[in-house]
Amino acid sequence: ANLRYFWAGGHTMAAGRYRLERVLALPD
């Protein structure tokens, strides 16, 4: 969550989505 501007900063959008979706798949 803290790296939102890094994910949206024009370099790592797809990788950011992958990481975010992995985190959101965690149950707790």
PDB file of all heavy atoms in Angstrom:
ATOM      1  N   ALA A   1       0.824  -1.214   0.000  1.00  0.00           N
ATOM      2  CA  ALA A   1       0.000   0.000   0.000  1.00  0.00           C
ATOM      3  C   ALA A   1       0.855   1.261   0.000  1.00  0.00           C
ATOM      4  O   ALA A   1       0.552   2.236  -0.695  1.00  0.00           O
ATOM      5  CB  ALA A   1      -0.931  -0.007   1.207  1.00  0.00           C
ATOM      6  N   ASN A   2       1.935   1.246   0.771  1.00  0.00           N
ATOM      7  CA  ASN A   2       2.792   2.436   0.858  1.00  0.00           C
ATOM      8  C   ASN A   2       3.471   2.771  -0.457  1.00  0.00           C
ATOM      9  O   ASN A   2       3.816   3.933  -0.715  1.00  0.00           O
ATOM     10  CB  ASN A   2       3.866   2.238   1.934  1.00  0.00           C
ATOM     11  CG  ASN A   2       3.328   2.404   3.340  1.00  0.00           C
ATOM     12  OD1 ASN A   2       2.282   3.019   3.549  1.00  0.00           O
ATOM     13  ND2 ASN A   2       4.035   1.854   4.313  1.00  0.00           N
ATOM     14  N   LEU A   3       3.675   1.765  -1.298  1.00  0.00           N
ATOM     15  CA  LEU A   3       4.394   1.978  -2.555  1.00  0.00           C
ATOM     16  C   LEU A   3       3.464   2.346  -3.708  1.00  0.00           C
ATOM     17  O   LEU A   3       3.813   2.181  -4.871  1.00  0.00           O
ATOM     18  CB  LEU A   3       5.197   0.724  -2.915  1.00  0.00           C
ATOM     19  CG  LEU A   3       6.402   0.440  -2.014  1.00  0.00           C
ATOM     20  CD1 LEU A   3       7.011  -0.909  -2.352  1.00  0.00           C
ATOM     21  CD2 LEU A   3       7.449   1.532  -2.137  1.00  0.00           C
ATOM     22  N   ARG A   4       2.298   2.897  -3.402  1.00  0.00           N
ATOM     23  CA  ARG A   4       1.302   3.197  -4.457  1.00  0.00           C
ATOM     24  C   ARG A   4       1.865   4.084  -5.552  1.00  0.00           C
ATOM     25  O   ARG A   4       1.572   3.885  -6.740  1.00  0.00           O
ATOM     26  CB  ARG A   4       0.081   3.859  -3.816  1.00  0.00           C
ATOM     27  CG  ARG A   4       0.339   5.194  -3.146  1.00  0.00           C
ATOM     28  CD  ARG A   4      -0.823   5.601  -2.258  1.00  0.00           C
ATOM     29  NE  ARG A   4      -0.932   4.680  -1.117  1.00  0.00           N
ATOM     30  CZ  ARG A   4      -1.983   4.646  -0.296  1.00  0.00           C
ATOM     31  NH1 ARG A   4      -3.003   5.455  -0.506  1.00  0.00           N
ATOM     32  NH2 ARG A   4      -2.004   3.813   0.714  1.00  0.00           N
ATOM     33  N   TYR A   5       2.674   5.068  -5.199  1.00  0.00           N
ATOM     34  CA  TYR A   5       3.196   5.976  -6.229  1.00  0.00           C
ATOM     35  C   TYR A   5       4.318   5.316  -7.024  1.00  0.00           C
ATOM     36  O   TYR A   5       4.572   5.689  -8.174  1.00  0.00           O
ATOM     37  CB  TYR A   5       3.667   7.274  -5.589  1.00  0.00           C
ATOM     38  CG  TYR A   5       2.542   7.994  -4.883  1.00  0.00           C
ATOM     39  CD1 TYR A   5       2.446   7.980  -3.491  1.00  0.00           C
ATOM     40  CD2 TYR A   5       1.548   8.651  -5.606  1.00  0.00           C
ATOM     41  CE1 TYR A   5       1.392   8.613  -2.839  1.00  0.00           C
ATOM     42  CE2 TYR A   5       0.493   9.284  -4.968  1.00  0.00           C
ATOM     43  CZ  TYR A   5       0.419   9.258  -3.582  1.00  0.00           C
ATOM     44  OH  TYR A   5      -0.632   9.870  -2.945  1.00  0.00           O
ATOM     45  N   PHE A   6       4.966   4.340  -6.433  1.00  0.00           N
ATOM     46  CA  PHE A   6       5.955   3.548  -7.161  1.00  0.00           C
ATOM     47  C   PHE A   6       5.258   2.672  -8.195  1.00  0.00           C
ATOM     48  O   PHE A   6       5.656   2.616  -9.358  1.00  0.00           O
ATOM     49  CB  PHE A   6       6.744   2.691  -6.176  1.00  0.00           C
ATOM     50  CG  PHE A   6       7.693   1.706  -6.806  1.00  0.00           C
ATOM     51  CD1 PHE A   6       8.654   2.127  -7.708  1.00  0.00           C
ATOM     52  CD2 PHE A   6       7.636   0.354  -6.491  1.00  0.00           C
ATOM     53  CE1 PHE A   6       9.542   1.222  -8.283  1.00  0.00           C
ATOM     54  CE2 PHE A   6       8.509  -0.551  -7.051  1.00  0.00           C
ATOM     55  CZ  PHE A   6       9.464  -0.114  -7.953  1.00  0.00           C
ATOM     56  N   TRP A   7       4.181   1.989  -7.780  1.00  0.00           N
ATOM     57  CA  TRP A   7       3.456   1.143  -8.735  1.00  0.00           C
ATOM     58  C   TRP A   7       2.871   1.982  -9.866  1.00  0.00           C
ATOM     59  O   TRP A   7       2.829   1.547 -11.016  1.00  0.00           O
ATOM     60  CB  TRP A   7       2.317   0.395  -8.042  1.00  0.00           C
ATOM     61  CG  TRP A   7       2.666  -0.425  -6.839  1.00  0.00           C
ATOM     62  CD1 TRP A   7       2.004  -0.436  -5.643  1.00  0.00           C
ATOM     63  CD2 TRP A   7       3.731  -1.388  -6.680  1.00  0.00           C
ATOM     64  NE1 TRP A   7       2.582  -1.320  -4.763  1.00  0.00           N
ATOM     65  CE2 TRP A   7       3.648  -1.920  -5.379  1.00  0.00           C
ATOM     66  CE3 TRP A   7       4.745  -1.838  -7.510  1.00  0.00           C
ATOM     67  CZ2 TRP A   7       4.529  -2.880  -4.885  1.00  0.00           C
ATOM     68  CZ3 TRP A   7       5.636  -2.785  -7.031  1.00  0.00           C
ATOM     69  CH2 TRP A   7       5.526  -3.299  -5.741  1.00  0.00           C
ATOM     70  N   ALA A   8       2.409   3.186  -9.558  1.00  0.00           N
ATOM     71  CA  ALA A   8       1.746   4.026 -10.563  1.00  0.00           C
ATOM     72  C   ALA A   8       2.697   4.998 -11.239  1.00  0.00           C
ATOM     73  O   ALA A   8       2.265   5.823 -12.037  1.00  0.00           O
ATOM     74  CB  ALA A   8       0.603   4.815  -9.910  1.00  0.00           C
ATOM     75  N   GLY A   9       3.983   4.895 -10.942  1.00  0.00           N
ATOM     76  CA  GLY A   9       4.940   5.880 -11.430  1.00  0.00           C
ATOM     77  C   GLY A   9       5.510   5.600 -12.796  1.00  0.00           C
ATOM     78  O   GLY A   9       6.527   6.186 -13.165  1.00  0.00           O
ATOM     79  N   GLY A  10       4.900   4.684 -13.549  1.00  0.00           N
ATOM     80  CA  GLY A  10       5.295   4.517 -14.940  1.00  0.00           C
ATOM     81  C   GLY A  10       6.302   3.425 -15.203  1.00  0.00           C
ATOM     82  O   GLY A  10       6.795   3.300 -16.312  1.00  0.00           O
ATOM     83  N   HIS A  11       6.625   2.587 -14.201  1.00  0.00           N
ATOM     84  CA  HIS A  11       7.636   1.554 -14.438  1.00  0.00           C
ATOM     85  C   HIS A  11       7.153   0.148 -14.068  1.00  0.00           C
ATOM     86  O   HIS A  11       7.535  -0.817 -14.722  1.00  0.00           O
ATOM     87  CB  HIS A  11       8.912   1.851 -13.641  1.00  0.00           C
ATOM     88  CG  HIS A  11       9.785   2.883 -14.262  1.00  0.00           C
ATOM     89  ND1 HIS A  11      11.031   2.613 -14.776  1.00  0.00           N
ATOM     90  CD2 HIS A  11       9.584   4.191 -14.482  1.00  0.00           C
ATOM     91  CE1 HIS A  11      11.561   3.724 -15.278  1.00  0.00           C
ATOM     92  NE2 HIS A  11      10.699   4.686 -15.099  1.00  0.00           N
ATOM     93  N   THR A  12       6.372   0.006 -13.015  1.00  0.00           N
ATOM     94  CA  THR A  12       6.126  -1.319 -12.454  1.00  0.00           C
ATOM     95  C   THR A  12       4.648  -1.575 -12.192  1.00  0.00           C
ATOM     96  O   THR A  12       4.284  -2.202 -11.203  1.00  0.00           O
ATOM     97  CB  THR A  12       6.910  -1.478 -11.140  1.00  0.00           C
ATOM     98  OG1 THR A  12       6.595  -0.363 -10.282  1.00  0.00           O
ATOM     99  CG2 THR A  12       8.396  -1.515 -11.391  1.00  0.00           C
ATOM    100  N   MET A  13       3.776  -1.106 -13.068  1.00  0.00           N
ATOM    101  CA  MET A  13       2.346  -1.240 -12.845  1.00  0.00           C
ATOM    102  C   MET A  13       1.911  -2.700 -12.799  1.00  0.00           C
ATOM    103  O   MET A  13       1.223  -3.125 -11.868  1.00  0.00           O
ATOM    104  CB  MET A  13       1.578  -0.503 -13.935  1.00  0.00           C
ATOM    105  CG  MET A  13       0.095  -0.447 -13.689  1.00  0.00           C
ATOM    106  SD  MET A  13      -0.326   0.656 -12.338  1.00  0.00           S
ATOM    107  CE  MET A  13      -0.045   2.237 -13.141  1.00  0.00           C
ATOM    108  N   ALA A  14       2.282  -3.484 -13.792  1.00  0.00           N
ATOM    109  CA  ALA A  14       1.843  -4.877 -13.836  1.00  0.00           C
ATOM    110  C   ALA A  14       2.428  -5.671 -12.669  1.00  0.00           C
ATOM    111  O   ALA A  14       1.740  -6.495 -12.059  1.00  0.00           O
ATOM    112  CB  ALA A  14       2.232  -5.518 -15.167  1.00  0.00           C
ATOM    113  N   ALA A  15       3.702  -5.437 -12.355  1.00  0.00           N
ATOM    114  CA  ALA A  15       4.305  -6.128 -11.214  1.00  0.00           C
ATOM    115  C   ALA A  15       3.619  -5.716  -9.921  1.00  0.00           C
ATOM    116  O   ALA A  15       3.422  -6.531  -9.018  1.00  0.00           O
ATOM    117  CB  ALA A  15       5.800  -5.817 -11.145  1.00  0.00           C
ATOM    118  N   GLY A  16       3.245  -4.437  -9.812  1.00  0.00           N
ATOM    119  CA  GLY A  16       2.535  -3.977  -8.629  1.00  0.00           C
ATOM    120  C   GLY A  16       1.191  -4.670  -8.487  1.00  0.00           C
ATOM    121  O   GLY A  16       0.798  -5.068  -7.381  1.00  0.00           O
ATOM    122  N   ARG A  17       0.476  -4.815  -9.588  1.00  0.00           N
ATOM    123  CA  ARG A  17      -0.813  -5.514  -9.525  1.00  0.00           C
ATOM    124  C   ARG A  17      -0.620  -6.946  -9.053  1.00  0.00           C
ATOM    125  O   ARG A  17      -1.392  -7.453  -8.213  1.00  0.00           O
ATOM    126  CB  ARG A  17      -1.484  -5.487 -10.888  1.00  0.00           C
ATOM    127  CG  ARG A  17      -2.829  -6.208 -10.897  1.00  0.00           C
ATOM    128  CD  ARG A  17      -3.556  -6.047 -12.223  1.00  0.00           C
ATOM    129  NE  ARG A  17      -4.879  -6.666 -12.157  1.00  0.00           N
ATOM    130  CZ  ARG A  17      -5.802  -6.542 -13.110  1.00  0.00           C
ATOM    131  NH1 ARG A  17      -5.539  -5.827 -14.186  1.00  0.00           N
ATOM    132  NH2 ARG A  17      -6.973  -7.132 -12.981  1.00  0.00           N
ATOM    133  N   TYR A  18       0.392  -7.597  -9.562  1.00  0.00           N
ATOM    134  CA  TYR A  18       0.676  -8.978  -9.164  1.00  0.00           C
ATOM    135  C   TYR A  18       0.933  -9.063  -7.664  1.00  0.00           C
ATOM    136  O   TYR A  18       0.377  -9.930  -6.969  1.00  0.00           O
ATOM    137  CB  TYR A  18       1.876  -9.487  -9.959  1.00  0.00           C
ATOM    138  CG  TYR A  18       2.426 -10.821  -9.515  1.00  0.00           C
ATOM    139  CD1 TYR A  18       1.698 -11.990  -9.710  1.00  0.00           C
ATOM    140  CD2 TYR A  18       3.683 -10.908  -8.930  1.00  0.00           C
ATOM    141  CE1 TYR A  18       2.213 -13.217  -9.316  1.00  0.00           C
ATOM    142  CE2 TYR A  18       4.207 -12.128  -8.536  1.00  0.00           C
ATOM    143  CZ  TYR A  18       3.467 -13.282  -8.722  1.00  0.00           C
ATOM    144  OH  TYR A  18       3.972 -14.495  -8.334  1.00  0.00           O
ATOM    145  N   ARG A  19       1.744  -8.147  -7.131  1.00  0.00           N
ATOM    146  CA  ARG A  19       2.054  -8.163  -5.698  1.00  0.00           C
ATOM    147  C   ARG A  19       0.813  -7.841  -4.872  1.00  0.00           C
ATOM    148  O   ARG A  19       0.556  -8.461  -3.837  1.00  0.00           O
ATOM    149  CB  ARG A  19       3.164  -7.155  -5.388  1.00  0.00           C
ATOM    150  CG  ARG A  19       4.468  -7.408  -6.114  1.00  0.00           C
ATOM    151  CD  ARG A  19       5.203  -8.599  -5.554  1.00  0.00           C
ATOM    152  NE  ARG A  19       6.205  -9.052  -6.516  1.00  0.00           N
ATOM    153  CZ  ARG A  19       6.833 -10.224  -6.462  1.00  0.00           C
ATOM    154  NH1 ARG A  19       6.561 -11.048  -5.475  1.00  0.00           N
ATOM    155  NH2 ARG A  19       7.703 -10.568  -7.362  1.00  0.00           N
ATOM    156  N   LEU A  20       0.050  -6.856  -5.288  1.00  0.00           N
ATOM    157  CA  LEU A  20      -1.160  -6.482  -4.557  1.00  0.00           C
ATOM    158  C   LEU A  20      -2.168  -7.632  -4.529  1.00  0.00           C
ATOM    159  O   LEU A  20      -2.788  -7.907  -3.489  1.00  0.00           O
ATOM    160  CB  LEU A  20      -1.791  -5.242  -5.189  1.00  0.00           C
ATOM    161  CG  LEU A  20      -1.068  -3.921  -4.931  1.00  0.00           C
ATOM    162  CD1 LEU A  20      -1.446  -2.885  -5.982  1.00  0.00           C
ATOM    163  CD2 LEU A  20      -1.387  -3.406  -3.527  1.00  0.00           C
ATOM    164  N   GLU A  21      -2.328  -8.301  -5.645  1.00  0.00           N
ATOM    165  CA  GLU A  21      -3.283  -9.411  -5.689  1.00  0.00           C
ATOM    166  C   GLU A  21      -2.816 -10.579  -4.829  1.00  0.00           C
ATOM    167  O   GLU A  21      -3.642 -11.280  -4.215  1.00  0.00           O
ATOM    168  CB  GLU A  21      -3.520  -9.842  -7.136  1.00  0.00           C
ATOM    169  CG  GLU A  21      -4.336  -8.810  -7.923  1.00  0.00           C
ATOM    170  CD  GLU A  21      -4.519  -9.170  -9.380  1.00  0.00           C
ATOM    171  OE1 GLU A  21      -3.713  -9.978  -9.893  1.00  0.00           O
ATOM    172  OE2 GLU A  21      -5.457  -8.642 -10.008  1.00  0.00           O
ATOM    173  N   ARG A  22      -1.512 -10.798  -4.739  1.00  0.00           N
ATOM    174  CA  ARG A  22      -0.999 -11.846  -3.846  1.00  0.00           C
ATOM    175  C   ARG A  22      -1.291 -11.495  -2.391  1.00  0.00           C
ATOM    176  O   ARG A  22      -1.671 -12.366  -1.591  1.00  0.00           O
ATOM    177  CB  ARG A  22       0.507 -12.031  -4.044  1.00  0.00           C
ATOM    178  CG  ARG A  22       0.907 -12.734  -5.325  1.00  0.00           C
ATOM    179  CD  ARG A  22       2.389 -13.051  -5.349  1.00  0.00           C
ATOM    180  NE  ARG A  22       2.742 -14.042  -4.333  1.00  0.00           N
ATOM    181  CZ  ARG A  22       3.994 -14.339  -3.986  1.00  0.00           C
ATOM    182  NH1 ARG A  22       5.001 -13.683  -4.548  1.00  0.00           N
ATOM    183  NH2 ARG A  22       4.245 -15.245  -3.076  1.00  0.00           N
ATOM    184  N   VAL A  23      -1.108 -10.234  -2.033  1.00  0.00           N
ATOM    185  CA  VAL A  23      -1.392  -9.806  -0.665  1.00  0.00           C
ATOM    186  C   VAL A  23      -2.883  -9.957  -0.368  1.00  0.00           C
ATOM    187  O   VAL A  23      -3.278 -10.461   0.696  1.00  0.00           O
ATOM    188  CB  VAL A  23      -0.942  -8.347  -0.456  1.00  0.00           C
ATOM    189  CG1 VAL A  23      -1.551  -7.775   0.826  1.00  0.00           C
ATOM    190  CG2 VAL A  23       0.581  -8.260  -0.402  1.00  0.00           C
ATOM    191  N   LEU A  24      -3.727  -9.535  -1.298  1.00  0.00           N
ATOM    192  CA  LEU A  24      -5.170  -9.583  -1.062  1.00  0.00           C
ATOM    193  C   LEU A  24      -5.705 -11.011  -1.038  1.00  0.00           C
ATOM    194  O   LEU A  24      -6.820 -11.245  -0.561  1.00  0.00           O
ATOM    195  CB  LEU A  24      -5.889  -8.768  -2.139  1.00  0.00           C
ATOM    196  CG  LEU A  24      -5.711  -7.251  -2.000  1.00  0.00           C
ATOM    197  CD1 LEU A  24      -6.167  -6.529  -3.258  1.00  0.00           C
ATOM    198  CD2 LEU A  24      -6.461  -6.734  -0.778  1.00  0.00           C
ATOM    199  N   ALA A  25      -4.931 -11.966  -1.534  1.00  0.00           N
ATOM    200  CA  ALA A  25      -5.332 -13.375  -1.463  1.00  0.00           C
ATOM    201  C   ALA A  25      -5.079 -13.967  -0.077  1.00  0.00           C
ATOM    202  O   ALA A  25      -5.575 -15.064   0.228  1.00  0.00           O
ATOM    203  CB  ALA A  25      -4.588 -14.183  -2.519  1.00  0.00           C
ATOM    204  N   LEU A  26      -4.327 -13.261   0.772  1.00  0.00           N
ATOM    205  CA  LEU A  26      -4.062 -13.747   2.129  1.00  0.00           C
ATOM    206  C   LEU A  26      -5.328 -13.622   2.969  1.00  0.00           C
ATOM    207  O   LEU A  26      -6.050 -12.628   2.876  1.00  0.00           O
ATOM    208  CB  LEU A  26      -2.922 -12.951   2.762  1.00  0.00           C
ATOM    209  CG  LEU A  26      -1.565 -13.038   2.036  1.00  0.00           C
ATOM    210  CD1 LEU A  26      -0.570 -12.052   2.649  1.00  0.00           C
ATOM    211  CD2 LEU A  26      -1.007 -14.460   2.104  1.00  0.00           C
ATOM    212  N   PRO A  27      -5.606 -14.595   3.828  1.00  0.00           N
ATOM    213  CA  PRO A  27      -6.895 -14.606   4.526  1.00  0.00           C
ATOM    214  C   PRO A  27      -6.987 -13.698   5.745  1.00  0.00           C
ATOM    215  O   PRO A  27      -8.096 -13.416   6.212  1.00  0.00           O
ATOM    216  CB  PRO A  27      -7.030 -16.074   4.954  1.00  0.00           C
ATOM    217  CG  PRO A  27      -5.619 -16.540   5.138  1.00  0.00           C
ATOM    218  CD  PRO A  27      -4.815 -15.817   4.095  1.00  0.00           C
ATOM    219  N   ASP A  28      -5.866 -13.250   6.279  1.00  0.00           N
ATOM    220  CA  ASP A  28      -5.908 -12.597   7.585  1.00  0.00           C
ATOM    221  C   ASP A  28      -5.269 -11.210   7.611  1.00  0.00           C
ATOM    222  O   ASP A  28      -4.824 -10.744   8.661  1.00  0.00           O
ATOM    223  CB  ASP A  28      -5.227 -13.485   8.631  1.00  0.00           C
ATOM    224  CG  ASP A  28      -3.790 -13.836   8.237  1.00  0.00           C
ATOM    225  OD1 ASP A  28      -3.391 -13.523   7.092  1.00  0.00           O
ATOM    226  OD2 ASP A  28      -3.072 -14.428   9.063  1.00  0.00           O
TER     227      ASP A  28
END
